């Protein structure tokens, strides 16, 4: 069901996504997990239904996590909603005060709205607290083993083979 809801979010099928989410309990007897709620927040946020997404988060039977608040904050940035962006950033800060991402994103929202004093205040706070952004990371499971990759990290034992394959794929795409 997560894949189905995610597909609805990425293709803009808001009514179908709502129907599928509601059918989980009513038709299939499934109790939605936080991942399902996250997909719905993503769907509503992508479709600029920010107030509905916020109400949805507040009505969840469990506390929203960093992923849900981060998804919501990203949507607030896309649609320049300062008011709800501040709420999302504040919630992210409560959940993980050492992660600068919420502050950086809110700073960008402020800058886009020409609220430069507030934007610079957040940037200054990040610097004063010595907060640093973690490098981007992705992982893949191959033959039962999980392989992790960090941005600009070439320490993986198969780095040369992986990079060679990436280059071949790039050539085929061009």
C-alpha atoms as a PDB file:
ATOM      1  CA  UNK A   1       0.000   0.000   0.000  1.00  0.00           C
ATOM      2  CA  UNK A   2       2.939   2.348   0.623  1.00  0.00           C
ATOM      3  CA  UNK A   3       4.010   1.936  -3.017  1.00  0.00           C
ATOM      4  CA  UNK A   4       0.504   2.690  -4.227  1.00  0.00           C
ATOM      5  CA  UNK A   5       0.160   5.804  -2.073  1.00  0.00           C
ATOM      6  CA  UNK A   6       3.633   6.967  -3.072  1.00  0.00           C
ATOM      7  CA  UNK A   7       2.761   6.500  -6.749  1.00  0.00           C
ATOM      8  CA  UNK A   8      -0.354   8.633  -6.240  1.00  0.00           C
ATOM      9  CA  UNK A   9       1.796  11.341  -4.619  1.00  0.00           C
ATOM     10  CA  UNK A  10       4.291  11.368  -7.486  1.00  0.00           C
ATOM     11  CA  UNK A  11       1.620  11.428 -10.186  1.00  0.00           C
ATOM     12  CA  UNK A  12      -0.739  13.932  -8.564  1.00  0.00           C
ATOM     13  CA  UNK A  13      -3.620  11.480  -8.119  1.00  0.00           C
ATOM     14  CA  UNK A  14      -4.990  13.091  -4.978  1.00  0.00           C
ATOM     15  CA  UNK A  15      -8.521  11.652  -5.030  1.00  0.00           C
ATOM     16  CA  UNK A  16      -7.262   8.147  -5.727  1.00  0.00           C
ATOM     17  CA  UNK A  17      -4.708   8.476  -2.930  1.00  0.00           C
ATOM     18  CA  UNK A  18      -7.389   9.559  -0.495  1.00  0.00           C
ATOM     19  CA  UNK A  19      -9.593   6.644  -1.552  1.00  0.00           C
ATOM     20  CA  UNK A  20      -6.784   4.109  -1.201  1.00  0.00           C
ATOM     21  CA  UNK A  21      -5.823   5.432   2.234  1.00  0.00           C
ATOM     22  CA  UNK A  22      -9.423   5.310   3.468  1.00  0.00           C
ATOM     23  CA  UNK A  23      -9.928   1.823   2.013  1.00  0.00           C
ATOM     24  CA  UNK A  24      -7.062   0.446   4.098  1.00  0.00           C
ATOM     25  CA  UNK A  25      -9.214   0.210   7.194  1.00  0.00           C
ATOM     26  CA  UNK A  26     -12.716   0.158   5.749  1.00  0.00           C
ATOM     27  CA  UNK A  27     -12.173  -2.428   3.020  1.00  0.00           C
ATOM     28  CA  UNK A  28      -9.023  -4.337   3.935  1.00  0.00           C
ATOM     29  CA  UNK A  29      -9.026  -4.075   7.729  1.00  0.00           C
ATOM     30  CA  UNK A  30      -5.500  -2.675   7.739  1.00  0.00           C
ATOM     31  CA  UNK A  31      -4.347  -0.163  10.345  1.00  0.00           C
ATOM     32  CA  UNK A  32      -2.322   2.552   8.612  1.00  0.00           C
ATOM     33  CA  UNK A  33       1.242   2.873   9.881  1.00  0.00           C
ATOM     34  CA  UNK A  34       3.313   6.028  10.032  1.00  0.00           C
ATOM     35  CA  UNK A  35       4.663   5.282   6.531  1.00  0.00           C
ATOM     36  CA  UNK A  36       1.124   5.427   5.114  1.00  0.00           C
ATOM     37  CA  UNK A  37       0.460   8.708   6.892  1.00  0.00           C
ATOM     38  CA  UNK A  38       3.755  10.033   5.523  1.00  0.00           C
ATOM     39  CA  UNK A  39       2.681   9.189   1.977  1.00  0.00           C
ATOM     40  CA  UNK A  40      -0.570  11.076   2.486  1.00  0.00           C
ATOM     41  CA  UNK A  41       1.231  14.135   3.860  1.00  0.00           C
ATOM     42  CA  UNK A  42       3.555  13.990   0.836  1.00  0.00           C
ATOM     43  CA  UNK A  43       0.581  13.710  -1.539  1.00  0.00           C
ATOM     44  CA  UNK A  44      -1.306  16.605   0.032  1.00  0.00           C
ATOM     45  CA  UNK A  45       1.830  18.735   0.199  1.00  0.00           C
ATOM     46  CA  UNK A  46       2.733  18.136  -3.445  1.00  0.00           C
ATOM     47  CA  UNK A  47      -0.780  19.184  -4.447  1.00  0.00           C
ATOM     48  CA  UNK A  48      -0.591  22.462  -2.473  1.00  0.00           C
ATOM     49  CA  UNK A  49      -3.178  21.285   0.068  1.00  0.00           C
ATOM     50  CA  UNK A  50      -1.011  22.537   2.914  1.00  0.00           C
ATOM     51  CA  UNK A  51      -3.772  23.354   5.401  1.00  0.00           C
ATOM     52  CA  UNK A  52      -5.320  19.927   4.809  1.00  0.00           C
ATOM     53  CA  UNK A  53      -1.903  18.294   5.205  1.00  0.00           C
ATOM     54  CA  UNK A  54      -1.358  20.137   8.489  1.00  0.00           C
ATOM     55  CA  UNK A  55      -4.779  19.102   9.789  1.00  0.00           C
ATOM     56  CA  UNK A  56      -4.053  15.547   8.664  1.00  0.00           C
ATOM     57  CA  UNK A  57      -0.780  15.541  10.640  1.00  0.00           C
ATOM     58  CA  UNK A  58      -2.484  16.943  13.718  1.00  0.00           C
ATOM     59  CA  UNK A  59      -5.179  14.251  13.494  1.00  0.00           C
ATOM     60  CA  UNK A  60      -2.771  11.338  13.233  1.00  0.00           C
ATOM     61  CA  UNK A  61      -3.142   8.685  15.968  1.00  0.00           C
ATOM     62  CA  UNK A  62       0.639   8.764  16.520  1.00  0.00           C
ATOM     63  CA  UNK A  63       3.160  11.575  16.787  1.00  0.00           C
ATOM     64  CA  UNK A  64       4.544  12.750  13.460  1.00  0.00           C
ATOM     65  CA  UNK A  65       8.245  12.017  13.004  1.00  0.00           C
ATOM     66  CA  UNK A  66      11.055  13.969  11.353  1.00  0.00           C
ATOM     67  CA  UNK A  67      10.240  12.505   7.949  1.00  0.00           C
ATOM     68  CA  UNK A  68       6.638  13.690   8.027  1.00  0.00           C
ATOM     69  CA  UNK A  69       7.504  17.169   9.307  1.00  0.00           C
ATOM     70  CA  UNK A  70      10.363  17.372   6.787  1.00  0.00           C
ATOM     71  CA  UNK A  71       8.078  16.439   3.909  1.00  0.00           C
ATOM     72  CA  UNK A  72       5.585  19.032   5.067  1.00  0.00           C
ATOM     73  CA  UNK A  73       8.289  21.694   5.419  1.00  0.00           C
ATOM     74  CA  UNK A  74       9.514  20.948   1.886  1.00  0.00           C
ATOM     75  CA  UNK A  75       6.001  21.490   0.549  1.00  0.00           C
ATOM     76  CA  UNK A  76       5.769  24.754   2.497  1.00  0.00           C
ATOM     77  CA  UNK A  77       8.963  25.876   0.792  1.00  0.00           C
ATOM     78  CA  UNK A  78       7.704  24.929  -2.685  1.00  0.00           C
ATOM     79  CA  UNK A  79       4.511  26.923  -2.134  1.00  0.00           C
ATOM     80  CA  UNK A  80       6.138  29.716  -0.053  1.00  0.00           C
ATOM     81  CA  UNK A  81       3.927  29.223   2.995  1.00  0.00           C
ATOM     82  CA  UNK A  82       5.876  30.992   5.720  1.00  0.00           C
ATOM     83  CA  UNK A  83       3.308  30.485   8.481  1.00  0.00           C
ATOM     84  CA  UNK A  84       3.049  26.697   8.166  1.00  0.00           C
ATOM     85  CA  UNK A  85       6.744  26.448   7.299  1.00  0.00           C
ATOM     86  CA  UNK A  86       7.563  27.980  10.675  1.00  0.00           C
ATOM     87  CA  UNK A  87       5.327  25.432  12.410  1.00  0.00           C
ATOM     88  CA  UNK A  88       7.001  22.533  10.589  1.00  0.00           C
ATOM     89  CA  UNK A  89      10.511  23.862  11.262  1.00  0.00           C
ATOM     90  CA  UNK A  90       9.681  24.340  14.954  1.00  0.00           C
ATOM     91  CA  UNK A  91       8.451  20.734  15.171  1.00  0.00           C
ATOM     92  CA  UNK A  92      11.602  19.494  13.428  1.00  0.00           C
ATOM     93  CA  UNK A  93      13.714  21.482  15.865  1.00  0.00           C
ATOM     94  CA  UNK A  94      11.880  19.875  18.803  1.00  0.00           C
ATOM     95  CA  UNK A  95      12.498  16.394  17.387  1.00  0.00           C
ATOM     96  CA  UNK A  96      16.154  16.915  16.476  1.00  0.00           C
ATOM     97  CA  UNK A  97      17.682  20.198  17.661  1.00  0.00           C
ATOM     98  CA  UNK A  98      21.132  19.305  16.241  1.00  0.00           C
ATOM     99  CA  UNK A  99      19.938  18.874  12.627  1.00  0.00           C
ATOM    100  CA  UNK A 100      20.296  22.167  10.739  1.00  0.00           C
ATOM    101  CA  UNK A 101      18.086  21.134   7.783  1.00  0.00           C
ATOM    102  CA  UNK A 102      14.860  22.638   9.155  1.00  0.00           C
ATOM    103  CA  UNK A 103      16.589  25.926   9.922  1.00  0.00           C
ATOM    104  CA  UNK A 104      18.223  26.051   6.484  1.00  0.00           C
ATOM    105  CA  UNK A 105      14.933  25.346   4.728  1.00  0.00           C
ATOM    106  CA  UNK A 106      13.047  27.922   6.802  1.00  0.00           C
ATOM    107  CA  UNK A 107      15.848  30.405   6.132  1.00  0.00           C
ATOM    108  CA  UNK A 108      15.339  29.830   2.408  1.00  0.00           C
ATOM    109  CA  UNK A 109      11.581  30.362   2.768  1.00  0.00           C
ATOM    110  CA  UNK A 110      12.237  33.657   4.565  1.00  0.00           C
ATOM    111  CA  UNK A 111      14.717  34.747   1.882  1.00  0.00           C
ATOM    112  CA  UNK A 112      12.228  33.975  -0.898  1.00  0.00           C
ATOM    113  CA  UNK A 113       9.700  36.190   0.900  1.00  0.00           C
ATOM    114  CA  UNK A 114      12.315  38.986   1.251  1.00  0.00           C
ATOM    115  CA  UNK A 115      12.427  38.516   5.038  1.00  0.00           C
ATOM    116  CA  UNK A 116      16.190  38.766   4.994  1.00  0.00           C
ATOM    117  CA  UNK A 117      16.632  39.666   8.655  1.00  0.00           C
ATOM    118  CA  UNK A 118      14.894  36.454   9.742  1.00  0.00           C
ATOM    119  CA  UNK A 119      16.755  34.430   7.119  1.00  0.00           C
ATOM    120  CA  UNK A 120      20.135  35.734   8.235  1.00  0.00           C
ATOM    121  CA  UNK A 121      19.175  35.229  11.896  1.00  0.00           C
ATOM    122  CA  UNK A 122      18.680  31.525  11.266  1.00  0.00           C
ATOM    123  CA  UNK A 123      21.944  31.254   9.326  1.00  0.00           C
ATOM    124  CA  UNK A 124      23.749  32.979  12.182  1.00  0.00           C
ATOM    125  CA  UNK A 125      22.153  30.590  14.700  1.00  0.00           C
ATOM    126  CA  UNK A 126      23.330  27.583  12.652  1.00  0.00           C
ATOM    127  CA  UNK A 127      26.866  28.926  12.620  1.00  0.00           C
ATOM    128  CA  UNK A 128      26.909  29.910  16.310  1.00  0.00           C
ATOM    129  CA  UNK A 129      25.661  26.465  17.378  1.00  0.00           C
ATOM    130  CA  UNK A 130      28.227  24.761  15.155  1.00  0.00           C
ATOM    131  CA  UNK A 131      25.583  22.762  13.338  1.00  0.00           C
ATOM    132  CA  UNK A 132      26.640  20.878  10.230  1.00  0.00           C
ATOM    133  CA  UNK A 133      24.580  19.158   7.594  1.00  0.00           C
ATOM    134  CA  UNK A 134      25.101  15.422   7.305  1.00  0.00           C
ATOM    135  CA  UNK A 135      26.242  14.229   3.889  1.00  0.00           C
ATOM    136  CA  UNK A 136      23.595  12.726   1.629  1.00  0.00           C
ATOM    137  CA  UNK A 137      23.336   8.975   1.909  1.00  0.00           C
ATOM    138  CA  UNK A 138      21.648   6.207  -0.029  1.00  0.00           C
ATOM    139  CA  UNK A 139      21.686   2.463   0.246  1.00  0.00           C
ATOM    140  CA  UNK A 140      20.852  -0.581  -1.802  1.00  0.00           C
ATOM    141  CA  UNK A 141      20.337  -4.230  -0.942  1.00  0.00           C
ATOM    142  CA  UNK A 142      22.136  -6.721  -3.184  1.00  0.00           C
ATOM    143  CA  UNK A 143      22.098 -10.469  -2.559  1.00  0.00           C
ATOM    144  CA  UNK A 144      21.040  -9.990   1.056  1.00  0.00           C
ATOM    145  CA  UNK A 145      23.731  -7.409   1.848  1.00  0.00           C
ATOM    146  CA  UNK A 146      23.095  -3.706   2.364  1.00  0.00           C
ATOM    147  CA  UNK A 147      25.564  -1.286   0.756  1.00  0.00           C
ATOM    148  CA  UNK A 148      25.625   2.336   1.889  1.00  0.00           C
ATOM    149  CA  UNK A 149      26.960   5.282  -0.081  1.00  0.00           C
ATOM    150  CA  UNK A 150      27.739   8.805   1.101  1.00  0.00           C
ATOM    151  CA  UNK A 151      28.093  11.860  -1.107  1.00  0.00           C
ATOM    152  CA  UNK A 152      31.680  12.217  -2.398  1.00  0.00           C
ATOM    153  CA  UNK A 153      32.747   8.974  -0.692  1.00  0.00           C
ATOM    154  CA  UNK A 154      34.834   6.584  -2.768  1.00  0.00           C
ATOM    155  CA  UNK A 155      35.709   4.125  -0.014  1.00  0.00           C
ATOM    156  CA  UNK A 156      33.297   1.360  -1.067  1.00  0.00           C
ATOM    157  CA  UNK A 157      35.308  -1.761  -2.045  1.00  0.00           C
ATOM    158  CA  UNK A 158      33.573  -1.877  -5.455  1.00  0.00           C
ATOM    159  CA  UNK A 159      33.816   1.878  -6.094  1.00  0.00           C
ATOM    160  CA  UNK A 160      35.731   1.550  -9.378  1.00  0.00           C
ATOM    161  CA  UNK A 161      33.314  -1.028 -10.781  1.00  0.00           C
ATOM    162  CA  UNK A 162      30.288   0.997  -9.686  1.00  0.00           C
ATOM    163  CA  UNK A 163      31.697   4.215 -11.131  1.00  0.00           C
ATOM    164  CA  UNK A 164      32.556   2.475 -14.413  1.00  0.00           C
ATOM    165  CA  UNK A 165      28.973   1.194 -14.703  1.00  0.00           C
ATOM    166  CA  UNK A 166      27.611   4.672 -13.895  1.00  0.00           C
ATOM    167  CA  UNK A 167      29.719   6.137 -16.704  1.00  0.00           C
ATOM    168  CA  UNK A 168      28.444   3.506 -19.157  1.00  0.00           C
ATOM    169  CA  UNK A 169      24.845   4.233 -18.215  1.00  0.00           C
ATOM    170  CA  UNK A 170      25.434   7.982 -18.624  1.00  0.00           C
ATOM    171  CA  UNK A 171      26.812   7.420 -22.131  1.00  0.00           C
ATOM    172  CA  UNK A 172      23.791   5.322 -23.066  1.00  0.00           C
ATOM    173  CA  UNK A 173      21.443   8.036 -21.837  1.00  0.00           C
ATOM    174  CA  UNK A 174      23.125  10.787 -23.877  1.00  0.00           C
END
